[in-house]
Protein backbone atom coordinates (compact mmCIF):
# COMPACT_ATOMS: atom_id res chain seq x y z
CA MET A 1 27.56 1.67 88.83
CA GLN A 2 26.40 -0.08 92.03
CA VAL A 3 24.26 1.80 94.56
CA VAL A 4 23.08 0.46 97.91
CA MET A 5 20.12 2.26 99.49
CA PHE A 6 19.78 1.84 103.26
CA ASP A 7 16.35 3.22 104.10
CA ARG A 8 13.46 2.16 106.34
CA GLN A 9 10.85 3.60 103.96
CA SER A 10 10.18 0.86 101.41
CA ILE A 11 7.87 3.02 99.26
CA PHE A 12 10.57 5.69 98.94
CA ILE A 13 13.18 3.09 97.99
CA HIS A 14 10.90 1.50 95.38
CA GLY A 15 10.11 4.84 93.72
CA MET A 16 13.68 6.07 93.82
CA LYS A 17 15.04 2.79 92.44
CA ILE A 18 12.77 3.04 89.40
CA SER A 19 13.58 6.73 88.86
CA LEU A 20 17.36 6.23 89.09
CA GLN A 21 17.30 3.28 86.68
CA GLU A 22 15.33 5.39 84.21
CA ASN A 23 17.79 8.30 84.41
CA ILE A 24 21.22 6.69 84.91
CA PRO A 25 22.11 4.02 82.33
CA GLY A 26 23.77 0.93 83.77
CA ILE A 27 22.99 1.68 87.40
CA ASP A 28 22.28 -1.24 89.75
CA VAL A 29 20.31 -0.32 92.88
CA TYR A 30 20.17 -2.65 95.88
CA ALA A 31 17.74 -1.95 98.73
CA VAL A 32 18.53 -2.90 102.35
CA SER A 33 17.06 -2.00 105.74
CA GLN A 34 19.34 -3.94 108.11
CA ALA A 35 23.06 -3.53 108.84
CA ASP A 36 23.83 -7.20 108.13
CA ASP A 37 22.27 -6.90 104.68
CA LEU A 38 24.35 -3.77 104.02
CA TRP A 39 27.61 -5.54 104.90
CA ARG A 40 26.71 -8.43 102.60
CA GLN A 41 26.09 -6.08 99.69
CA LEU A 42 29.32 -4.17 100.31
CA LEU A 43 31.29 -7.40 100.51
CA GLN A 44 30.11 -8.10 96.96
CA HIS A 45 30.51 -4.47 95.82
CA PRO A 46 33.10 -2.79 98.13
CA ASP A 47 33.19 0.42 96.08
CA ALA A 48 29.41 0.77 95.83
CA LEU A 49 27.83 4.14 96.59
CA LEU A 50 25.81 4.05 99.83
CA ILE A 51 22.67 6.20 100.05
CA LEU A 52 21.75 6.30 103.73
CA ASP A 53 18.56 7.40 105.49
CA GLY A 54 19.79 10.14 107.82
CA GLY A 55 16.47 10.20 109.66
CA MET A 56 17.36 7.12 111.67
CA ASP A 57 18.76 7.28 115.20
CA PRO A 58 21.87 9.55 115.10
CA GLY A 59 23.93 7.14 117.16
CA PHE A 60 23.08 4.26 114.84
CA CYS A 61 23.88 6.36 111.75
CA GLN A 62 27.28 7.33 113.13
CA TRP A 63 28.08 3.75 114.12
CA LEU A 64 27.07 2.53 110.66
CA LEU A 65 29.23 5.12 108.93
CA GLN A 66 32.21 4.39 111.18
CA GLU A 67 31.94 0.66 110.49
CA LYS A 68 31.50 1.24 106.77
CA PHE A 69 34.54 3.48 106.59
CA GLN A 70 36.73 1.04 108.49
CA GLN A 71 35.62 -2.00 106.49
CA PHE A 72 34.91 -0.42 103.09
CA PRO A 73 36.93 2.82 102.79
CA GLU A 74 36.39 2.98 99.01
CA SER A 75 32.62 3.23 99.40
CA LYS A 76 31.35 6.80 99.19
CA CYS A 77 28.15 7.91 100.89
CA ILE A 78 25.18 10.20 100.34
CA ILE A 79 22.86 10.95 103.24
CA ILE A 80 19.16 11.71 102.79
CA VAL A 81 17.77 14.01 105.49
CA ASN A 82 14.62 15.80 106.57
CA GLU A 83 16.47 18.35 108.72
CA TYR A 84 20.09 18.98 109.70
CA ASN A 85 22.51 21.35 111.42
CA GLN A 86 26.14 22.38 111.01
CA ALA A 87 27.47 20.32 113.93
CA TRP A 88 25.77 17.22 112.56
CA LEU A 89 27.26 17.91 109.13
CA SER A 90 30.77 18.17 110.54
CA ASN A 91 30.40 14.81 112.27
CA MET A 92 29.09 13.10 109.14
CA MET A 93 31.73 14.57 106.83
CA ALA A 94 34.41 12.81 108.86
CA PHE A 95 33.19 9.42 107.61
CA ASN A 96 33.54 9.81 103.84
CA VAL A 97 30.08 11.35 103.36
CA GLN A 98 30.23 13.17 100.03
CA ALA A 99 26.74 14.65 99.82
CA ILE A 100 23.63 15.60 101.77
CA ILE A 101 20.26 15.56 99.97
CA PRO A 102 16.92 16.72 101.40
CA ARG A 103 14.39 13.89 101.20
CA ASP A 104 11.95 16.08 99.28
CA ALA A 105 14.51 16.93 96.56
CA SER A 106 13.54 16.22 92.96
CA VAL A 107 14.69 13.15 91.04
CA GLU A 108 16.85 15.47 88.92
CA VAL A 109 18.70 16.61 92.06
CA PHE A 110 19.29 13.00 93.15
CA VAL A 111 20.58 12.05 89.70
CA GLN A 112 22.91 15.05 89.43
CA THR A 113 24.21 14.55 92.97
CA ILE A 114 24.98 10.88 92.37
CA LYS A 115 26.83 11.70 89.17
CA SER A 116 28.78 14.47 90.91
CA VAL A 117 29.75 12.27 93.86
CA MET A 118 31.00 9.54 91.55
CA ARG A 119 33.29 12.19 90.01
CA GLY A 120 34.68 12.95 93.46
CA LEU A 121 32.76 16.16 94.21
CA ILE A 122 31.21 17.18 97.53
CA CYS A 123 27.56 18.25 97.24
CA LEU A 124 25.85 20.09 100.09
CA PRO A 125 22.44 21.81 100.17
CA GLY A 126 21.92 25.55 100.45
CA ASP A 127 24.75 27.43 102.15
CA TRP A 128 26.34 24.33 103.67
CA ARG A 129 29.12 24.15 101.09
CA MET A 130 29.98 27.78 101.67
CA GLU A 131 30.02 27.29 105.45
CA TYR A 132 32.10 24.13 105.13
CA GLU A 133 34.68 25.87 102.94
CA GLN A 134 34.69 28.96 105.18
CA THR A 135 35.50 26.78 108.19
CA ARG A 136 38.38 25.14 106.36
CA HIS A 137 39.69 28.44 105.02
CA GLY A 138 39.39 30.07 108.45
CA LEU A 139 41.65 27.44 109.95
CA ASP A 140 44.03 27.64 107.01
CA ASN A 141 44.38 31.41 107.43
CA LEU A 142 45.40 31.39 111.08
CA SER A 143 48.86 32.68 111.93
CA GLN A 144 51.47 30.27 113.27
CA ARG A 145 51.03 31.66 116.78
CA GLN A 146 47.25 31.35 116.56
CA ARG A 147 47.63 27.75 115.42
CA GLU A 148 49.86 27.02 118.42
CA ILE A 149 47.38 28.62 120.81
CA LEU A 150 44.42 26.82 119.25
CA THR A 151 46.19 23.46 119.53
CA LEU A 152 46.99 24.04 123.20
CA LEU A 153 43.44 25.26 123.80
CA ALA A 154 42.03 22.10 122.18
CA ASN A 155 44.25 20.07 124.53
CA GLY A 156 42.45 21.67 127.46
CA GLU A 157 45.08 24.16 128.63
CA THR A 158 43.99 27.36 130.38
CA ASN A 159 45.14 30.83 129.30
CA LYS A 160 47.71 30.83 132.09
CA GLU A 161 49.07 27.44 131.04
CA ILE A 162 49.22 28.54 127.40
CA SER A 163 51.13 31.68 128.36
CA ARG A 164 53.68 29.61 130.28
CA THR A 165 54.08 27.08 127.46
CA LEU A 166 54.62 29.77 124.82
CA ASN A 167 56.46 32.15 127.15
CA ILE A 168 54.09 35.06 126.50
CA ILE A 169 51.97 37.10 128.89
CA ALA A 170 48.35 36.13 129.57
CA GLY A 171 47.11 39.38 128.02
CA THR A 172 48.72 38.42 124.71
CA VAL A 173 47.05 35.01 124.84
CA LYS A 174 43.70 36.68 125.39
CA ALA A 175 44.24 39.05 122.46
CA HIS A 176 45.19 36.15 120.17
CA LEU A 177 42.10 34.23 121.27
CA GLU A 178 39.78 37.15 120.55
CA SER A 179 41.27 37.51 117.07
CA LEU A 180 41.09 33.77 116.55
CA TYR A 181 37.38 33.64 117.54
CA ARG A 182 36.56 36.38 115.05
CA ARG A 183 38.47 34.67 112.24
CA LEU A 184 36.79 31.31 112.88
CA ASP A 185 33.39 32.92 113.57
CA VAL A 186 32.97 31.17 116.93
CA LYS A 187 31.97 32.50 120.34
CA ASN A 188 34.16 30.59 122.78
CA ARG A 189 37.09 28.22 123.25
CA THR A 190 34.87 25.12 123.17
CA GLN A 191 33.56 25.93 119.69
CA ALA A 192 37.07 26.75 118.47
CA ALA A 193 38.40 23.45 119.80
CA MET A 194 35.55 21.55 118.12
CA LEU A 195 36.40 23.11 114.76
CA LEU A 196 40.02 22.05 115.07
CA ASN A 197 39.09 18.52 116.14
CA HIS A 198 36.70 18.13 113.19
CA ARG A 199 39.39 19.40 110.81
CA GLN A 200 41.91 16.92 112.19
CA ASP A 201 39.37 14.10 111.75
CA LEU A 202 38.86 15.09 108.12
CA GLN A 203 42.60 15.28 107.45
CA HIS A 204 43.18 11.89 109.06
CA ILE A 205 40.45 10.23 107.02
CA ARG A 206 40.71 12.14 103.77
CA PRO A 207 44.07 13.95 103.45
CA GLU A 208 44.00 17.17 101.41
């Protein structure tokens, strides 16, 4: 098993490399701190597991994950974080991120997460997995009409435009939207549209 650790904290990498080699037989751990070095390692090991420092600049992390997915789609990824939020998770999950691990997690957690990811599982801390599944199930459980309205809403159409497109009265559109918000556990049309867009990203990258 090949693992590439992209982290700016050399002490953390050194300690984790030793711990992983002690607990996972046959593991090879490569440490990098620059994008060019990462690409070189992945060219040699295109299916290597990437363990990425999520504490770096968010824009850089997203760019790195986008590039990695486009160039090395077989490479799975684990992100190490100090703090996180649901919107950030949704963005990261669209780029073949399989797991999120708090930086202060025990070695046992790292070892178990790596083994689980290599078996194709998604590993999220705390209630994240539940929230992730609830979001997916919420979208799956929408009625056909609610799906149509949500799609039009995500395309930027107003209630009046939606009512004309679907040939229903504006009051019916409003009622559907209120029911849709409750089912998706969102507060407004912007949040509902974001959920749909994230789901479409996930389906495009990793079909169910």
